[in-house]
């Protein structure tokens, strides 16, 4: 996960709507099942999916009243905590 991509996706959600990101996730998940897709392509799709899901999670916290900075910090701590446990 890359924080700059999550932040950029959050800007898109603010300007447009989170439904666009949800639809992009659905499309990427569908593309991941395509015949002949290469491992490198799956890695890129997976990276985008994780960033999009992260942005949606942070956006959900922001909608519930958490500041963007606090929501981003909290999200990254959870991610780092889950990596340390893995």
PDB file of N, CA and C in Angstrom:
ATOM      1  N   UNK A   1       0.833  -1.176   0.000  1.00  0.00           N
ATOM      2  CA  UNK A   1       0.000   0.000   0.000  1.00  0.00           C
ATOM      3  C   UNK A   1       0.876   1.238   0.000  1.00  0.00           C
ATOM      4  N   UNK A   2       0.419   2.200  -0.757  1.00  0.00           N
ATOM      5  CA  UNK A   2       1.178   3.439  -0.866  1.00  0.00           C
ATOM      6  C   UNK A   2       0.295   4.606  -0.463  1.00  0.00           C
ATOM      7  N   UNK A   3       0.732   5.299   0.555  1.00  0.00           N
ATOM      8  CA  UNK A   3      -0.025   6.427   1.093  1.00  0.00           C
ATOM      9  C   UNK A   3      -0.324   7.505   0.049  1.00  0.00           C
ATOM     10  N   UNK A   4       0.628   7.864  -0.842  1.00  0.00           N
ATOM     11  CA  UNK A   4       0.298   8.876  -1.851  1.00  0.00           C
ATOM     12  C   UNK A   4      -0.859   8.451  -2.769  1.00  0.00           C
ATOM     13  N   UNK A   5      -0.933   7.177  -3.094  1.00  0.00           N
ATOM     14  CA  UNK A   5      -2.029   6.705  -3.950  1.00  0.00           C
ATOM     15  C   UNK A   5      -3.349   6.723  -3.185  1.00  0.00           C
ATOM     16  N   UNK A   6      -3.300   6.352  -1.916  1.00  0.00           N
ATOM     17  CA  UNK A   6      -4.514   6.405  -1.090  1.00  0.00           C
ATOM     18  C   UNK A   6      -5.000   7.850  -0.976  1.00  0.00           C
ATOM     19  N   UNK A   7      -4.076   8.789  -0.733  1.00  0.00           N
ATOM     20  CA  UNK A   7      -4.462  10.205  -0.631  1.00  0.00           C
ATOM     21  C   UNK A   7      -5.039  10.712  -1.951  1.00  0.00           C
ATOM     22  N   UNK A   8      -4.421  10.331  -3.040  1.00  0.00           N
ATOM     23  CA  UNK A   8      -4.897  10.766  -4.360  1.00  0.00           C
ATOM     24  C   UNK A   8      -6.294  10.208  -4.636  1.00  0.00           C
ATOM     25  N   UNK A   9      -6.520   8.973  -4.235  1.00  0.00           N
ATOM     26  CA  UNK A   9      -7.843   8.364  -4.401  1.00  0.00           C
ATOM     27  C   UNK A   9      -8.864   9.073  -3.513  1.00  0.00           C
ATOM     28  N   UNK A  10      -8.461   9.476  -2.317  1.00  0.00           N
ATOM     29  CA  UNK A  10      -9.357  10.237  -1.436  1.00  0.00           C
ATOM     30  C   UNK A  10      -9.771  11.557  -2.081  1.00  0.00           C
ATOM     31  N   UNK A  11      -8.829  12.217  -2.751  1.00  0.00           N
ATOM     32  CA  UNK A  11      -9.159  13.455  -3.458  1.00  0.00           C
ATOM     33  C   UNK A  11     -10.211  13.190  -4.535  1.00  0.00           C
ATOM     34  N   UNK A  12     -10.042  12.088  -5.249  1.00  0.00           N
ATOM     35  CA  UNK A  12     -11.005  11.725  -6.284  1.00  0.00           C
ATOM     36  C   UNK A  12     -12.385  11.487  -5.667  1.00  0.00           C
ATOM     37  N   UNK A  13     -12.417  10.785  -4.541  1.00  0.00           N
ATOM     38  CA  UNK A  13     -13.691  10.509  -3.864  1.00  0.00           C
ATOM     39  C   UNK A  13     -14.358  11.821  -3.447  1.00  0.00           C
ATOM     40  N   UNK A  14     -13.560  12.776  -2.939  1.00  0.00           N
ATOM     41  CA  UNK A  14     -14.114  14.076  -2.537  1.00  0.00           C
ATOM     42  C   UNK A  14     -14.688  14.827  -3.737  1.00  0.00           C
ATOM     43  N   UNK A  15     -13.975  14.781  -4.859  1.00  0.00           N
ATOM     44  CA  UNK A  15     -14.395  15.513  -6.051  1.00  0.00           C
ATOM     45  C   UNK A  15     -15.556  14.847  -6.779  1.00  0.00           C
ATOM     46  N   UNK A  16     -15.574  13.549  -6.775  1.00  0.00           N
ATOM     47  CA  UNK A  16     -16.584  12.796  -7.540  1.00  0.00           C
ATOM     48  C   UNK A  16     -17.526  12.086  -6.577  1.00  0.00           C
ATOM     49  N   UNK A  17     -17.221  10.807  -6.318  1.00  0.00           N
ATOM     50  CA  UNK A  17     -18.084   9.992  -5.472  1.00  0.00           C
ATOM     51  C   UNK A  17     -17.376   8.670  -5.227  1.00  0.00           C
ATOM     52  N   UNK A  18     -17.604   8.086  -4.086  1.00  0.00           N
ATOM     53  CA  UNK A  18     -16.965   6.802  -3.782  1.00  0.00           C
ATOM     54  C   UNK A  18     -17.491   5.674  -4.664  1.00  0.00           C
ATOM     55  N   UNK A  19     -18.664   5.841  -5.253  1.00  0.00           N
ATOM     56  CA  UNK A  19     -19.212   4.801  -6.125  1.00  0.00           C
ATOM     57  C   UNK A  19     -18.304   4.511  -7.317  1.00  0.00           C
ATOM     58  N   UNK A  20     -17.610   5.528  -7.808  1.00  0.00           N
ATOM     59  CA  UNK A  20     -16.683   5.312  -8.928  1.00  0.00           C
ATOM     60  C   UNK A  20     -15.552   4.369  -8.515  1.00  0.00           C
ATOM     61  N   UNK A  21     -15.062   4.538  -7.296  1.00  0.00           N
ATOM     62  CA  UNK A  21     -13.978   3.690  -6.801  1.00  0.00           C
ATOM     63  C   UNK A  21     -14.494   2.269  -6.587  1.00  0.00           C
ATOM     64  N   UNK A  22     -15.685   2.139  -6.071  1.00  0.00           N
ATOM     65  CA  UNK A  22     -16.282   0.811  -5.877  1.00  0.00           C
ATOM     66  C   UNK A  22     -16.436   0.106  -7.226  1.00  0.00           C
ATOM     67  N   UNK A  23     -16.874   0.839  -8.223  1.00  0.00           N
ATOM     68  CA  UNK A  23     -17.015   0.246  -9.557  1.00  0.00           C
ATOM     69  C   UNK A  23     -15.655  -0.108 -10.155  1.00  0.00           C
ATOM     70  N   UNK A  24     -14.648   0.700  -9.907  1.00  0.00           N
ATOM     71  CA  UNK A  24     -13.295   0.387 -10.379  1.00  0.00           C
ATOM     72  C   UNK A  24     -12.780  -0.887  -9.712  1.00  0.00           C
ATOM     73  N   UNK A  25     -13.075  -1.051  -8.430  1.00  0.00           N
ATOM     74  CA  UNK A  25     -12.696  -2.268  -7.713  1.00  0.00           C
ATOM     75  C   UNK A  25     -13.364  -3.479  -8.352  1.00  0.00           C
ATOM     76  N   UNK A  26     -14.652  -3.357  -8.634  1.00  0.00           N
ATOM     77  CA  UNK A  26     -15.377  -4.468  -9.261  1.00  0.00           C
ATOM     78  C   UNK A  26     -14.757  -4.841 -10.603  1.00  0.00           C
ATOM     79  N   UNK A  27     -14.395  -3.834 -11.390  1.00  0.00           N
ATOM     80  CA  UNK A  27     -13.782  -4.083 -12.689  1.00  0.00           C
ATOM     81  C   UNK A  27     -12.416  -4.755 -12.528  1.00  0.00           C
ATOM     82  N   UNK A  28     -11.585  -4.241 -11.632  1.00  0.00           N
ATOM     83  CA  UNK A  28     -10.262  -4.830 -11.424  1.00  0.00           C
ATOM     84  C   UNK A  28     -10.357  -6.273 -10.932  1.00  0.00           C
ATOM     85  N   UNK A  29     -11.303  -6.541 -10.033  1.00  0.00           N
ATOM     86  CA  UNK A  29     -11.493  -7.916  -9.563  1.00  0.00           C
ATOM     87  C   UNK A  29     -11.922  -8.820 -10.710  1.00  0.00           C
ATOM     88  N   UNK A  30     -12.753  -8.313 -11.583  1.00  0.00           N
ATOM     89  CA  UNK A  30     -13.180  -9.081 -12.757  1.00  0.00           C
ATOM     90  C   UNK A  30     -11.997  -9.325 -13.694  1.00  0.00           C
ATOM     91  N   UNK A  31     -11.181  -8.309 -13.904  1.00  0.00           N
ATOM     92  CA  UNK A  31     -10.025  -8.436 -14.795  1.00  0.00           C
ATOM     93  C   UNK A  31      -9.007  -9.435 -14.250  1.00  0.00           C
ATOM     94  N   UNK A  32      -8.907  -9.544 -12.951  1.00  0.00           N
ATOM     95  CA  UNK A  32      -7.954 -10.476 -12.340  1.00  0.00           C
ATOM     96  C   UNK A  32      -8.269 -11.922 -12.700  1.00  0.00           C
ATOM     97  N   UNK A  33      -9.507 -12.183 -13.072  1.00  0.00           N
ATOM     98  CA  UNK A  33      -9.921 -13.543 -13.449  1.00  0.00           C
ATOM     99  C   UNK A  33      -9.773 -13.822 -14.942  1.00  0.00           C
ATOM    100  N   UNK A  34      -9.271 -12.855 -15.695  1.00  0.00           N
ATOM    101  CA  UNK A  34      -9.172 -13.009 -17.153  1.00  0.00           C
ATOM    102  C   UNK A  34      -8.162 -14.104 -17.506  1.00  0.00           C
ATOM    103  N   UNK A  35      -8.461 -14.828 -18.565  1.00  0.00           N
ATOM    104  CA  UNK A  35      -7.531 -15.854 -19.048  1.00  0.00           C
ATOM    105  C   UNK A  35      -6.266 -15.183 -19.569  1.00  0.00           C
ATOM    106  N   UNK A  36      -5.144 -15.809 -19.327  1.00  0.00           N
ATOM    107  CA  UNK A  36      -3.890 -15.332 -19.871  1.00  0.00           C
ATOM    108  C   UNK A  36      -3.272 -14.150 -19.159  1.00  0.00           C
ATOM    109  N   UNK A  37      -3.849 -13.735 -18.038  1.00  0.00           N
ATOM    110  CA  UNK A  37      -3.274 -12.592 -17.325  1.00  0.00           C
ATOM    111  C   UNK A  37      -1.961 -13.027 -16.669  1.00  0.00           C
ATOM    112  N   UNK A  38      -0.960 -12.187 -16.767  1.00  0.00           N
ATOM    113  CA  UNK A  38       0.377 -12.501 -16.272  1.00  0.00           C
ATOM    114  C   UNK A  38       0.499 -12.174 -14.790  1.00  0.00           C
ATOM    115  N   UNK A  39       1.442 -12.831 -14.139  1.00  0.00           N
ATOM    116  CA  UNK A  39       1.666 -12.591 -12.714  1.00  0.00           C
ATOM    117  C   UNK A  39       1.980 -11.128 -12.425  1.00  0.00           C
ATOM    118  N   UNK A  40       2.777 -10.511 -13.295  1.00  0.00           N
ATOM    119  CA  UNK A  40       3.126  -9.101 -13.093  1.00  0.00           C
ATOM    120  C   UNK A  40       1.876  -8.224 -13.159  1.00  0.00           C
ATOM    121  N   UNK A  41       0.980  -8.573 -14.061  1.00  0.00           N
ATOM    122  CA  UNK A  41      -0.270  -7.816 -14.199  1.00  0.00           C
ATOM    123  C   UNK A  41      -1.148  -8.022 -12.971  1.00  0.00           C
ATOM    124  N   UNK A  42      -1.176  -9.236 -12.454  1.00  0.00           N
ATOM    125  CA  UNK A  42      -1.937  -9.501 -11.232  1.00  0.00           C
ATOM    126  C   UNK A  42      -1.368  -8.714 -10.052  1.00  0.00           C
ATOM    127  N   UNK A  43      -0.049  -8.599 -10.010  1.00  0.00           N
ATOM    128  CA  UNK A  43       0.573  -7.813  -8.937  1.00  0.00           C
ATOM    129  C   UNK A  43       0.121  -6.356  -8.994  1.00  0.00           C
ATOM    130  N   UNK A  44       0.072  -5.782 -10.185  1.00  0.00           N
ATOM    131  CA  UNK A  44      -0.351  -4.386 -10.348  1.00  0.00           C
ATOM    132  C   UNK A  44      -1.821  -4.230  -9.969  1.00  0.00           C
ATOM    133  N   UNK A  45      -2.638  -5.156 -10.441  1.00  0.00           N
ATOM    134  CA  UNK A  45      -4.066  -5.114 -10.095  1.00  0.00           C
ATOM    135  C   UNK A  45      -4.234  -5.215  -8.581  1.00  0.00           C
ATOM    136  N   UNK A  46      -3.504  -6.132  -7.963  1.00  0.00           N
ATOM    137  CA  UNK A  46      -3.584  -6.304  -6.508  1.00  0.00           C
ATOM    138  C   UNK A  46      -3.167  -5.049  -5.761  1.00  0.00           C
ATOM    139  N   UNK A  47      -2.152  -4.378  -6.263  1.00  0.00           N
ATOM    140  CA  UNK A  47      -1.691  -3.148  -5.623  1.00  0.00           C
ATOM    141  C   UNK A  47      -2.765  -2.055  -5.717  1.00  0.00           C
ATOM    142  N   UNK A  48      -3.350  -1.918  -6.886  1.00  0.00           N
ATOM    143  CA  UNK A  48      -4.430  -0.936  -7.020  1.00  0.00           C
ATOM    144  C   UNK A  48      -5.612  -1.290  -6.121  1.00  0.00           C
ATOM    145  N   UNK A  49      -5.987  -2.563  -6.086  1.00  0.00           N
ATOM    146  CA  UNK A  49      -7.102  -2.976  -5.240  1.00  0.00           C
ATOM    147  C   UNK A  49      -6.841  -2.651  -3.776  1.00  0.00           C
ATOM    148  N   UNK A  50      -5.651  -2.963  -3.292  1.00  0.00           N
ATOM    149  CA  UNK A  50      -5.367  -2.701  -1.879  1.00  0.00           C
ATOM    150  C   UNK A  50      -5.396  -1.200  -1.582  1.00  0.00           C
ATOM    151  N   UNK A  51      -4.904  -0.390  -2.507  1.00  0.00           N
ATOM    152  CA  UNK A  51      -4.949   1.059  -2.301  1.00  0.00           C
ATOM    153  C   UNK A  51      -6.375   1.592  -2.362  1.00  0.00           C
ATOM    154  N   UNK A  52      -7.175   1.095  -3.289  1.00  0.00           N
ATOM    155  CA  UNK A  52      -8.571   1.543  -3.389  1.00  0.00           C
ATOM    156  C   UNK A  52      -9.359   1.142  -2.151  1.00  0.00           C
ATOM    157  N   UNK A  53      -9.182  -0.113  -1.705  1.00  0.00           N
ATOM    158  CA  UNK A  53      -9.873  -0.538  -0.480  1.00  0.00           C
ATOM    159  C   UNK A  53      -9.409   0.297   0.718  1.00  0.00           C
ATOM    160  N   UNK A  54      -8.120   0.594   0.769  1.00  0.00           N
ATOM    161  CA  UNK A  54      -7.600   1.440   1.845  1.00  0.00           C
ATOM    162  C   UNK A  54      -8.219   2.823   1.826  1.00  0.00           C
ATOM    163  N   UNK A  55      -8.326   3.403   0.642  1.00  0.00           N
ATOM    164  CA  UNK A  55      -8.927   4.735   0.517  1.00  0.00           C
ATOM    165  C   UNK A  55     -10.388   4.718   0.953  1.00  0.00           C
ATOM    166  N   UNK A  56     -11.105   3.673   0.596  1.00  0.00           N
ATOM    167  CA  UNK A  56     -12.511   3.572   1.020  1.00  0.00           C
ATOM    168  C   UNK A  56     -12.612   3.448   2.540  1.00  0.00           C
ATOM    169  N   UNK A  57     -11.702   2.704   3.138  1.00  0.00           N
ATOM    170  CA  UNK A  57     -11.698   2.545   4.586  1.00  0.00           C
ATOM    171  C   UNK A  57     -11.420   3.885   5.273  1.00  0.00           C
ATOM    172  N   UNK A  58     -10.425   4.610   4.782  1.00  0.00           N
ATOM    173  CA  UNK A  58     -10.096   5.924   5.346  1.00  0.00           C
ATOM    174  C   UNK A  58     -11.266   6.889   5.136  1.00  0.00           C
ATOM    175  N   UNK A  59     -11.870   6.864   3.956  1.00  0.00           N
ATOM    176  CA  UNK A  59     -13.015   7.740   3.663  1.00  0.00           C
ATOM    177  C   UNK A  59     -14.171   7.471   4.628  1.00  0.00           C
ATOM    178  N   UNK A  60     -14.389   6.206   4.940  1.00  0.00           N
ATOM    179  CA  UNK A  60     -15.451   5.830   5.884  1.00  0.00           C
ATOM    180  C   UNK A  60     -15.186   6.465   7.251  1.00  0.00           C
ATOM    181  N   UNK A  61     -13.931   6.436   7.699  1.00  0.00           N
ATOM    182  CA  UNK A  61     -13.591   7.060   8.982  1.00  0.00           C
ATOM    183  C   UNK A  61     -13.792   8.569   8.934  1.00  0.00           C
ATOM    184  N   UNK A  62     -13.411   9.177   7.812  1.00  0.00           N
ATOM    185  CA  UNK A  62     -13.573  10.621   7.663  1.00  0.00           C
ATOM    186  C   UNK A  62     -15.052  10.997   7.715  1.00  0.00           C
ATOM    187  N   UNK A  63     -15.883  10.193   7.045  1.00  0.00           N
ATOM    188  CA  UNK A  63     -17.334  10.466   7.067  1.00  0.00           C
ATOM    189  C   UNK A  63     -17.906  10.365   8.474  1.00  0.00           C
ATOM    190  N   UNK A  64     -17.280   9.548   9.325  1.00  0.00           N
ATOM    191  CA  UNK A  64     -17.796   9.403  10.689  1.00  0.00           C
ATOM    192  C   UNK A  64     -17.247  10.477  11.634  1.00  0.00           C
ATOM    193  N   UNK A  65     -16.457  11.433  11.079  1.00  0.00           N
ATOM    194  CA  UNK A  65     -16.037  12.567  11.872  1.00  0.00           C
ATOM    195  C   UNK A  65     -14.557  12.632  12.205  1.00  0.00           C
ATOM    196  N   UNK A  66     -13.793  11.634  11.819  1.00  0.00           N
ATOM    197  CA  UNK A  66     -12.355  11.638  12.073  1.00  0.00           C
ATOM    198  C   UNK A  66     -11.672  12.556  11.063  1.00  0.00           C
ATOM    199  N   UNK A  67     -10.658  13.279  11.501  1.00  0.00           N
ATOM    200  CA  UNK A  67      -9.921  14.131  10.564  1.00  0.00           C
ATOM    201  C   UNK A  67      -9.191  13.241   9.559  1.00  0.00           C
ATOM    202  N   UNK A  68      -8.902  13.799   8.383  1.00  0.00           N
ATOM    203  CA  UNK A  68      -8.228  13.012   7.350  1.00  0.00           C
ATOM    204  C   UNK A  68      -6.863  12.524   7.831  1.00  0.00           C
ATOM    205  N   UNK A  69      -6.111  13.414   8.457  1.00  0.00           N
ATOM    206  CA  UNK A  69      -4.779  13.045   8.939  1.00  0.00           C
ATOM    207  C   UNK A  69      -4.866  11.912   9.955  1.00  0.00           C
ATOM    208  N   UNK A  70      -5.787  12.041  10.897  1.00  0.00           N
ATOM    209  CA  UNK A  70      -5.969  11.026  11.934  1.00  0.00           C
ATOM    210  C   UNK A  70      -6.440   9.698  11.324  1.00  0.00           C
ATOM    211  N   UNK A  71      -7.338   9.766  10.365  1.00  0.00           N
ATOM    212  CA  UNK A  71      -7.845   8.557   9.709  1.00  0.00           C
ATOM    213  C   UNK A  71      -6.735   7.852   8.938  1.00  0.00           C
ATOM    214  N   UNK A  72      -5.900   8.633   8.237  1.00  0.00           N
ATOM    215  CA  UNK A  72      -4.776   8.053   7.495  1.00  0.00           C
ATOM    216  C   UNK A  72      -3.769   7.419   8.446  1.00  0.00           C
ATOM    217  N   UNK A  73      -3.444   8.110   9.514  1.00  0.00           N
ATOM    218  CA  UNK A  73      -2.494   7.569  10.493  1.00  0.00           C
ATOM    219  C   UNK A  73      -3.018   6.287  11.124  1.00  0.00           C
ATOM    220  N   UNK A  74      -4.277   6.283  11.496  1.00  0.00           N
ATOM    221  CA  UNK A  74      -4.890   5.104  12.099  1.00  0.00           C
ATOM    222  C   UNK A  74      -4.874   3.922  11.133  1.00  0.00           C
ATOM    223  N   UNK A  75      -5.200   4.197   9.884  1.00  0.00           N
ATOM    224  CA  UNK A  75      -5.212   3.138   8.874  1.00  0.00           C
ATOM    225  C   UNK A  75      -3.813   2.553   8.692  1.00  0.00           C
ATOM    226  N   UNK A  76      -2.816   3.413   8.560  1.00  0.00           N
ATOM    227  CA  UNK A  76      -1.456   2.923   8.340  1.00  0.00           C
ATOM    228  C   UNK A  76      -0.935   2.149   9.553  1.00  0.00           C
ATOM    229  N   UNK A  77      -1.321   2.548  10.757  1.00  0.00           N
ATOM    230  CA  UNK A  77      -0.934   1.793  11.947  1.00  0.00           C
ATOM    231  C   UNK A  77      -1.548   0.397  11.928  1.00  0.00           C
ATOM    232  N   UNK A  78      -2.818   0.301  11.506  1.00  0.00           N
ATOM    233  CA  UNK A  78      -3.468  -1.016  11.419  1.00  0.00           C
ATOM    234  C   UNK A  78      -2.774  -1.870  10.370  1.00  0.00           C
ATOM    235  N   UNK A  79      -2.433  -1.272   9.239  1.00  0.00           N
ATOM    236  CA  UNK A  79      -1.745  -2.020   8.180  1.00  0.00           C
ATOM    237  C   UNK A  79      -0.393  -2.510   8.675  1.00  0.00           C
ATOM    238  N   UNK A  80       0.375  -1.618   9.278  1.00  0.00           N
ATOM    239  CA  UNK A  80       1.696  -1.996   9.765  1.00  0.00           C
ATOM    240  C   UNK A  80       1.586  -3.049  10.870  1.00  0.00           C
ATOM    241  N   UNK A  81       0.577  -2.928  11.710  1.00  0.00           N
ATOM    242  CA  UNK A  81       0.359  -3.915  12.763  1.00  0.00           C
ATOM    243  C   UNK A  81       0.030  -5.284  12.210  1.00  0.00           C
ATOM    244  N   UNK A  82      -0.751  -5.322  11.141  1.00  0.00           N
ATOM    245  CA  UNK A  82      -1.108  -6.613  10.546  1.00  0.00           C
ATOM    246  C   UNK A  82       0.084  -7.222   9.818  1.00  0.00           C
ATOM    247  N   UNK A  83       0.963  -6.378   9.270  1.00  0.00           N
ATOM    248  CA  UNK A  83       2.174  -6.878   8.608  1.00  0.00           C
ATOM    249  C   UNK A  83       3.122  -7.467   9.657  1.00  0.00           C
ATOM    250  N   UNK A  84       3.254  -6.776  10.798  1.00  0.00           N
ATOM    251  CA  UNK A  84       4.130  -7.266  11.866  1.00  0.00           C
ATOM    252  C   UNK A  84       3.667  -8.609  12.418  1.00  0.00           C
ATOM    253  N   UNK A  85       2.348  -8.811  12.448  1.00  0.00           N
ATOM    254  CA  UNK A  85       1.795 -10.081  12.971  1.00  0.00           C
ATOM    255  C   UNK A  85       1.946 -11.200  11.956  1.00  0.00           C
ATOM    256  N   UNK A  86       1.999 -10.833  10.650  1.00  0.00           N
ATOM    257  CA  UNK A  86       2.056 -11.824   9.569  1.00  0.00           C
ATOM    258  C   UNK A  86       3.380 -12.428   9.469  1.00  0.00           C
TER     259      UNK A  86
END
